[in-house]
Amino acid sequence: MDLRELRESRVMTQAEVAASMGVESSAVARLEAGGHKPRPSTIRKLAEALGVSVTECHKSVIATKVRREIPA
């Protein structure tokens, strides 16, 4: 499950996740696009915002990166 799918499974918008993390919604959009590797502190904040473990969030970050590199 990539980050977008994880967020949607939690029935949250990018704006809601961003507000919980204390960042702009564009930052969440960039994370979901998989354009860069987030810092560990960002993964922790994202996991907390989504109500999942850091491990689950990190797996979603990896899935997002793989999806970006290998388009369907």
PDB file of N, CA and C in Angstrom:
ATOM      1  N   MET A   1       0.852  -1.167   0.000  1.00  0.00           N
ATOM      2  CA  MET A   1       0.000   0.000   0.000  1.00  0.00           C
ATOM      3  C   MET A   1       0.900   1.233   0.000  1.00  0.00           C
ATOM      4  N   ASP A   2       0.707   2.111  -0.995  1.00  0.00           N
ATOM      5  CA  ASP A   2       1.530   3.318  -1.035  1.00  0.00           C
ATOM      6  C   ASP A   2       0.937   4.389  -0.102  1.00  0.00           C
ATOM      7  N   LEU A   3       1.594   5.543  -0.023  1.00  0.00           N
ATOM      8  CA  LEU A   3       1.164   6.566   0.933  1.00  0.00           C
ATOM      9  C   LEU A   3      -0.239   7.089   0.649  1.00  0.00           C
ATOM     10  N   ARG A   4      -0.561   7.313  -0.616  1.00  0.00           N
ATOM     11  CA  ARG A   4      -1.897   7.809  -0.963  1.00  0.00           C
ATOM     12  C   ARG A   4      -2.958   6.796  -0.528  1.00  0.00           C
ATOM     13  N   GLU A   5      -2.718   5.536  -0.842  1.00  0.00           N
ATOM     14  CA  GLU A   5      -3.670   4.488  -0.459  1.00  0.00           C
ATOM     15  C   GLU A   5      -3.795   4.393   1.063  1.00  0.00           C
ATOM     16  N   LEU A   6      -2.687   4.530   1.764  1.00  0.00           N
ATOM     17  CA  LEU A   6      -2.711   4.494   3.223  1.00  0.00           C
ATOM     18  C   LEU A   6      -3.540   5.651   3.765  1.00  0.00           C
ATOM     19  N   ARG A   7      -3.296   6.852   3.238  1.00  0.00           N
ATOM     20  CA  ARG A   7      -4.055   8.028   3.680  1.00  0.00           C
ATOM     21  C   ARG A   7      -5.550   7.841   3.398  1.00  0.00           C
ATOM     22  N   GLU A   8      -5.858   7.386   2.197  1.00  0.00           N
ATOM     23  CA  GLU A   8      -7.264   7.202   1.832  1.00  0.00           C
ATOM     24  C   GLU A   8      -7.925   6.116   2.682  1.00  0.00           C
ATOM     25  N   SER A   9      -7.176   5.087   3.071  1.00  0.00           N
ATOM     26  CA  SER A   9      -7.741   4.042   3.922  1.00  0.00           C
ATOM     27  C   SER A   9      -8.085   4.585   5.308  1.00  0.00           C
ATOM     28  N   ARG A  10      -7.420   5.666   5.687  1.00  0.00           N
ATOM     29  CA  ARG A  10      -7.700   6.313   6.978  1.00  0.00           C
ATOM     30  C   ARG A  10      -8.787   7.380   6.824  1.00  0.00           C
ATOM     31  N   VAL A  11      -9.321   7.526   5.606  1.00  0.00           N
ATOM     32  CA  VAL A  11     -10.366   8.495   5.268  1.00  0.00           C
ATOM     33  C   VAL A  11      -9.939   9.905   5.682  1.00  0.00           C
ATOM     34  N   MET A  12      -8.766  10.294   5.190  1.00  0.00           N
ATOM     35  CA  MET A  12      -8.212  11.617   5.480  1.00  0.00           C
ATOM     36  C   MET A  12      -7.830  12.303   4.178  1.00  0.00           C
ATOM     37  N   THR A  13      -7.933  13.619   4.179  1.00  0.00           N
ATOM     38  CA  THR A  13      -7.476  14.402   3.038  1.00  0.00           C
ATOM     39  C   THR A  13      -6.009  14.776   3.244  1.00  0.00           C
ATOM     40  N   GLN A  14      -5.367  15.215   2.180  1.00  0.00           N
ATOM     41  CA  GLN A  14      -3.987  15.696   2.311  1.00  0.00           C
ATOM     42  C   GLN A  14      -3.939  16.863   3.290  1.00  0.00           C
ATOM     43  N   ALA A  15      -4.939  17.730   3.234  1.00  0.00           N
ATOM     44  CA  ALA A  15      -4.974  18.894   4.127  1.00  0.00           C
ATOM     45  C   ALA A  15      -5.077  18.477   5.589  1.00  0.00           C
ATOM     46  N   GLU A  16      -5.862  17.448   5.877  1.00  0.00           N
ATOM     47  CA  GLU A  16      -5.999  16.974   7.260  1.00  0.00           C
ATOM     48  C   GLU A  16      -4.693  16.378   7.772  1.00  0.00           C
ATOM     49  N   VAL A  17      -4.036  15.596   6.929  1.00  0.00           N
ATOM     50  CA  VAL A  17      -2.749  15.008   7.323  1.00  0.00           C
ATOM     51  C   VAL A  17      -1.732  16.122   7.547  1.00  0.00           C
ATOM     52  N   ALA A  18      -1.701  17.071   6.623  1.00  0.00           N
ATOM     53  CA  ALA A  18      -0.750  18.177   6.724  1.00  0.00           C
ATOM     54  C   ALA A  18      -0.967  18.972   8.009  1.00  0.00           C
ATOM     55  N   ALA A  19      -2.216  19.261   8.322  1.00  0.00           N
ATOM     56  CA  ALA A  19      -2.519  20.026   9.538  1.00  0.00           C
ATOM     57  C   ALA A  19      -2.036  19.274  10.776  1.00  0.00           C
ATOM     58  N   SER A  20      -2.248  17.978  10.790  1.00  0.00           N
ATOM     59  CA  SER A  20      -1.813  17.164  11.925  1.00  0.00           C
ATOM     60  C   SER A  20      -0.292  17.130  12.048  1.00  0.00           C
ATOM     61  N   MET A  21       0.389  17.195  10.889  1.00  0.00           N
ATOM     62  CA  MET A  21       1.857  17.165  10.882  1.00  0.00           C
ATOM     63  C   MET A  21       2.473  18.538  11.099  1.00  0.00           C
ATOM     64  N   GLY A  22       1.682  19.600  10.905  1.00  0.00           N
ATOM     65  CA  GLY A  22       2.207  20.955  11.028  1.00  0.00           C
ATOM     66  C   GLY A  22       2.962  21.400   9.792  1.00  0.00           C
ATOM     67  N   VAL A  23       2.521  20.904   8.618  1.00  0.00           N
ATOM     68  CA  VAL A  23       3.160  21.273   7.351  1.00  0.00           C
ATOM     69  C   VAL A  23       2.086  21.715   6.361  1.00  0.00           C
ATOM     70  N   GLU A  24       2.509  22.222   5.220  1.00  0.00           N
ATOM     71  CA  GLU A  24       1.587  22.599   4.153  1.00  0.00           C
ATOM     72  C   GLU A  24       1.089  21.348   3.449  1.00  0.00           C
ATOM     73  N   SER A  25      -0.103  21.405   2.876  1.00  0.00           N
ATOM     74  CA  SER A  25      -0.639  20.246   2.163  1.00  0.00           C
ATOM     75  C   SER A  25       0.209  19.890   0.947  1.00  0.00           C
ATOM     76  N   SER A  26       0.920  20.872   0.397  1.00  0.00           N
ATOM     77  CA  SER A  26       1.808  20.588  -0.738  1.00  0.00           C
ATOM     78  C   SER A  26       2.944  19.645  -0.331  1.00  0.00           C
ATOM     79  N   ALA A  27       3.335  19.686   0.942  1.00  0.00           N
ATOM     80  CA  ALA A  27       4.383  18.777   1.425  1.00  0.00           C
ATOM     81  C   ALA A  27       3.872  17.336   1.421  1.00  0.00           C
ATOM     82  N   VAL A  28       2.619  17.142   1.806  1.00  0.00           N
ATOM     83  CA  VAL A  28       2.020  15.803   1.786  1.00  0.00           C
ATOM     84  C   VAL A  28       1.887  15.330   0.341  1.00  0.00           C
ATOM     85  N   ALA A  29       1.506  16.230  -0.556  1.00  0.00           N
ATOM     86  CA  ALA A  29       1.396  15.878  -1.978  1.00  0.00           C
ATOM     87  C   ALA A  29       2.753  15.429  -2.522  1.00  0.00           C
ATOM     88  N   ARG A  30       3.823  16.112  -2.133  1.00  0.00           N
ATOM     89  CA  ARG A  30       5.164  15.720  -2.589  1.00  0.00           C
ATOM     90  C   ARG A  30       5.545  14.353  -2.038  1.00  0.00           C
ATOM     91  N   LEU A  31       5.200  14.077  -0.786  1.00  0.00           N
ATOM     92  CA  LEU A  31       5.484  12.765  -0.208  1.00  0.00           C
ATOM     93  C   LEU A  31       4.745  11.675  -0.985  1.00  0.00           C
ATOM     94  N   GLU A  32       3.481  11.936  -1.302  1.00  0.00           N
ATOM     95  CA  GLU A  32       2.690  10.953  -2.034  1.00  0.00           C
ATOM     96  C   GLU A  32       3.181  10.761  -3.461  1.00  0.00           C
ATOM     97  N   ALA A  33       3.819  11.782  -4.023  1.00  0.00           N
ATOM     98  CA  ALA A  33       4.364  11.673  -5.382  1.00  0.00           C
ATOM     99  C   ALA A  33       5.651  10.851  -5.393  1.00  0.00           C
ATOM    100  N   GLY A  34       6.288  10.700  -4.233  1.00  0.00           N
ATOM    101  CA  GLY A  34       7.492   9.879  -4.126  1.00  0.00           C
ATOM    102  C   GLY A  34       8.727  10.493  -4.740  1.00  0.00           C
ATOM    103  N   GLY A  35       8.754  11.804  -4.824  1.00  0.00           N
ATOM    104  CA  GLY A  35       9.870  12.473  -5.471  1.00  0.00           C
ATOM    105  C   GLY A  35      11.156  12.540  -4.662  1.00  0.00           C
ATOM    106  N   HIS A  36      11.064  12.367  -3.359  1.00  0.00           N
ATOM    107  CA  HIS A  36      12.266  12.415  -2.528  1.00  0.00           C
ATOM    108  C   HIS A  36      12.102  11.500  -1.324  1.00  0.00           C
ATOM    109  N   LYS A  37      13.201  11.210  -0.681  1.00  0.00           N
ATOM    110  CA  LYS A  37      13.190  10.349   0.504  1.00  0.00           C
ATOM    111  C   LYS A  37      12.952  11.221   1.731  1.00  0.00           C
ATOM    112  N   PRO A  38      11.863  10.976   2.458  1.00  0.00           N
ATOM    113  CA  PRO A  38      11.596  11.784   3.647  1.00  0.00           C
ATOM    114  C   PRO A  38      12.551  11.458   4.795  1.00  0.00           C
ATOM    115  N   ARG A  39      12.786  12.443   5.630  1.00  0.00           N
ATOM    116  CA  ARG A  39      13.616  12.260   6.819  1.00  0.00           C
ATOM    117  C   ARG A  39      12.894  11.359   7.810  1.00  0.00           C
ATOM    118  N   PRO A  40      13.654  10.694   8.677  1.00  0.00           N
ATOM    119  CA  PRO A  40      13.015   9.858   9.707  1.00  0.00           C
ATOM    120  C   PRO A  40      12.010  10.639  10.556  1.00  0.00           C
ATOM    121  N   SER A  41      12.309  11.886  10.859  1.00  0.00           N
ATOM    122  CA  SER A  41      11.379  12.680  11.670  1.00  0.00           C
ATOM    123  C   SER A  41      10.075  12.930  10.916  1.00  0.00           C
ATOM    124  N   THR A  42      10.156  13.073   9.612  1.00  0.00           N
ATOM    125  CA  THR A  42       8.953  13.262   8.800  1.00  0.00           C
ATOM    126  C   THR A  42       8.122  11.983   8.778  1.00  0.00           C
ATOM    127  N   ILE A  43       8.785  10.845   8.667  1.00  0.00           N
ATOM    128  CA  ILE A  43       8.069   9.565   8.680  1.00  0.00           C
ATOM    129  C   ILE A  43       7.360   9.379  10.024  1.00  0.00           C
ATOM    130  N   ARG A  44       8.021   9.754  11.113  1.00  0.00           N
ATOM    131  CA  ARG A  44       7.390   9.644  12.439  1.00  0.00           C
ATOM    132  C   ARG A  44       6.146  10.536  12.530  1.00  0.00           C
ATOM    133  N   LYS A  45       6.257  11.780  12.056  1.00  0.00           N
ATOM    134  CA  LYS A  45       5.113  12.695  12.085  1.00  0.00           C
ATOM    135  C   LYS A  45       3.976  12.178  11.205  1.00  0.00           C
ATOM    136  N   LEU A  46       4.330  11.646  10.051  1.00  0.00           N
ATOM    137  CA  LEU A  46       3.328  11.115   9.130  1.00  0.00           C
ATOM    138  C   LEU A  46       2.624   9.911   9.747  1.00  0.00           C
ATOM    139  N   ALA A  47       3.386   9.027  10.359  1.00  0.00           N
ATOM    140  CA  ALA A  47       2.808   7.853  11.008  1.00  0.00           C
ATOM    141  C   ALA A  47       1.841   8.275  12.113  1.00  0.00           C
ATOM    142  N   GLU A  48       2.250   9.244  12.903  1.00  0.00           N
ATOM    143  CA  GLU A  48       1.388   9.729  13.978  1.00  0.00           C
ATOM    144  C   GLU A  48       0.109  10.350  13.414  1.00  0.00           C
ATOM    145  N   ALA A  49       0.248  11.135  12.357  1.00  0.00           N
ATOM    146  CA  ALA A  49      -0.915  11.784  11.738  1.00  0.00           C
ATOM    147  C   ALA A  49      -1.900  10.756  11.192  1.00  0.00           C
ATOM    148  N   LEU A  50      -1.365   9.671  10.654  1.00  0.00           N
ATOM    149  CA  LEU A  50      -2.210   8.633  10.049  1.00  0.00           C
ATOM    150  C   LEU A  50      -2.659   7.576  11.057  1.00  0.00           C
ATOM    151  N   GLY A  51      -2.093   7.606  12.244  1.00  0.00           N
ATOM    152  CA  GLY A  51      -2.472   6.636  13.268  1.00  0.00           C
ATOM    153  C   GLY A  51      -1.979   5.235  12.978  1.00  0.00           C
ATOM    154  N   VAL A  52      -0.771   5.153  12.407  1.00  0.00           N
ATOM    155  CA  VAL A  52      -0.175   3.848  12.100  1.00  0.00           C
ATOM    156  C   VAL A  52       1.217   3.789  12.711  1.00  0.00           C
ATOM    157  N   SER A  53       1.808   2.604  12.693  1.00  0.00           N
ATOM    158  CA  SER A  53       3.169   2.461  13.218  1.00  0.00           C
ATOM    159  C   SER A  53       4.166   3.094  12.261  1.00  0.00           C
ATOM    160  N   VAL A  54       5.320   3.434  12.788  1.00  0.00           N
ATOM    161  CA  VAL A  54       6.395   3.972  11.951  1.00  0.00           C
ATOM    162  C   VAL A  54       6.792   2.941  10.897  1.00  0.00           C
ATOM    163  N   THR A  55       6.800   1.668  11.281  1.00  0.00           N
ATOM    164  CA  THR A  55       7.153   0.604  10.340  1.00  0.00           C
ATOM    165  C   THR A  55       6.167   0.553   9.183  1.00  0.00           C
ATOM    166  N   GLU A  56       4.873   0.600   9.478  1.00  0.00           N
ATOM    167  CA  GLU A  56       3.865   0.574   8.413  1.00  0.00           C
ATOM    168  C   GLU A  56       3.999   1.794   7.505  1.00  0.00           C
ATOM    169  N   CYS A  57       4.239   2.940   8.106  1.00  0.00           N
ATOM    170  CA  CYS A  57       4.406   4.168   7.326  1.00  0.00           C
ATOM    171  C   CYS A  57       5.639   4.062   6.427  1.00  0.00           C
ATOM    172  N   HIS A  58       6.734   3.551   6.969  1.00  0.00           N
ATOM    173  CA  HIS A  58       7.966   3.411   6.191  1.00  0.00           C
ATOM    174  C   HIS A  58       7.755   2.457   5.023  1.00  0.00           C
ATOM    175  N   LYS A  59       7.017   1.371   5.237  1.00  0.00           N
ATOM    176  CA  LYS A  59       6.701   0.442   4.146  1.00  0.00           C
ATOM    177  C   LYS A  59       5.920   1.150   3.049  1.00  0.00           C
ATOM    178  N   SER A  60       5.020   2.047   3.431  1.00  0.00           N
ATOM    179  CA  SER A  60       4.247   2.799   2.448  1.00  0.00           C
ATOM    180  C   SER A  60       5.117   3.787   1.691  1.00  0.00           C
ATOM    181  N   VAL A  61       6.101   4.371   2.373  1.00  0.00           N
ATOM    182  CA  VAL A  61       7.054   5.265   1.697  1.00  0.00           C
ATOM    183  C   VAL A  61       7.811   4.483   0.629  1.00  0.00           C
ATOM    184  N   ILE A  62       8.261   3.286   0.969  1.00  0.00           N
ATOM    185  CA  ILE A  62       8.987   2.446   0.016  1.00  0.00           C
ATOM    186  C   ILE A  62       8.073   2.063  -1.146  1.00  0.00           C
ATOM    187  N   ALA A  63       6.830   1.681  -0.852  1.00  0.00           N
ATOM    188  CA  ALA A  63       5.882   1.313  -1.910  1.00  0.00           C
ATOM    189  C   ALA A  63       5.628   2.485  -2.845  1.00  0.00           C
ATOM    190  N   THR A  64       5.578   3.697  -2.298  1.00  0.00           N
ATOM    191  CA  THR A  64       5.373   4.893  -3.115  1.00  0.00           C
ATOM    192  C   THR A  64       6.556   5.090  -4.057  1.00  0.00           C
ATOM    193  N   LYS A  65       7.752   4.932  -3.535  1.00  0.00           N
ATOM    194  CA  LYS A  65       8.963   5.085  -4.339  1.00  0.00           C
ATOM    195  C   LYS A  65       9.005   4.045  -5.460  1.00  0.00           C
ATOM    196  N   VAL A  66       8.681   2.804  -5.143  1.00  0.00           N
ATOM    197  CA  VAL A  66       8.680   1.734  -6.145  1.00  0.00           C
ATOM    198  C   VAL A  66       7.637   2.034  -7.222  1.00  0.00           C
ATOM    199  N   ARG A  67       6.454   2.462  -6.812  1.00  0.00           N
ATOM    200  CA  ARG A  67       5.391   2.795  -7.769  1.00  0.00           C
ATOM    201  C   ARG A  67       5.834   3.896  -8.706  1.00  0.00           C
ATOM    202  N   ARG A  68       6.570   4.871  -8.183  1.00  0.00           N
ATOM    203  CA  ARG A  68       7.036   6.001  -8.995  1.00  0.00           C
ATOM    204  C   ARG A  68       8.086   5.523 -10.010  1.00  0.00           C
ATOM    205  N   GLU A  69       8.957   4.623  -9.575  1.00  0.00           N
ATOM    206  CA  GLU A  69      10.046   4.150 -10.446  1.00  0.00           C
ATOM    207  C   GLU A  69       9.578   3.128 -11.471  1.00  0.00           C
ATOM    208  N   ILE A  70       8.525   2.378 -11.142  1.00  0.00           N
ATOM    209  CA  ILE A  70       8.013   1.337 -12.039  1.00  0.00           C
ATOM    210  C   ILE A  70       6.536   1.635 -12.293  1.00  0.00           C
ATOM    211  N   PRO A  71       6.230   2.526 -13.247  1.00  0.00           N
ATOM    212  CA  PRO A  71       4.834   2.870 -13.502  1.00  0.00           C
ATOM    213  C   PRO A  71       4.036   1.676 -13.997  1.00  0.00           C
ATOM    214  N   ALA A  72       2.738   1.711 -13.730  1.00  0.00           N
ATOM    215  CA  ALA A  72       1.855   0.609 -14.124  1.00  0.00           C
ATOM    216  C   ALA A  72       1.695   0.505 -15.626  1.00  0.00           C
TER     217      ALA A  72
END
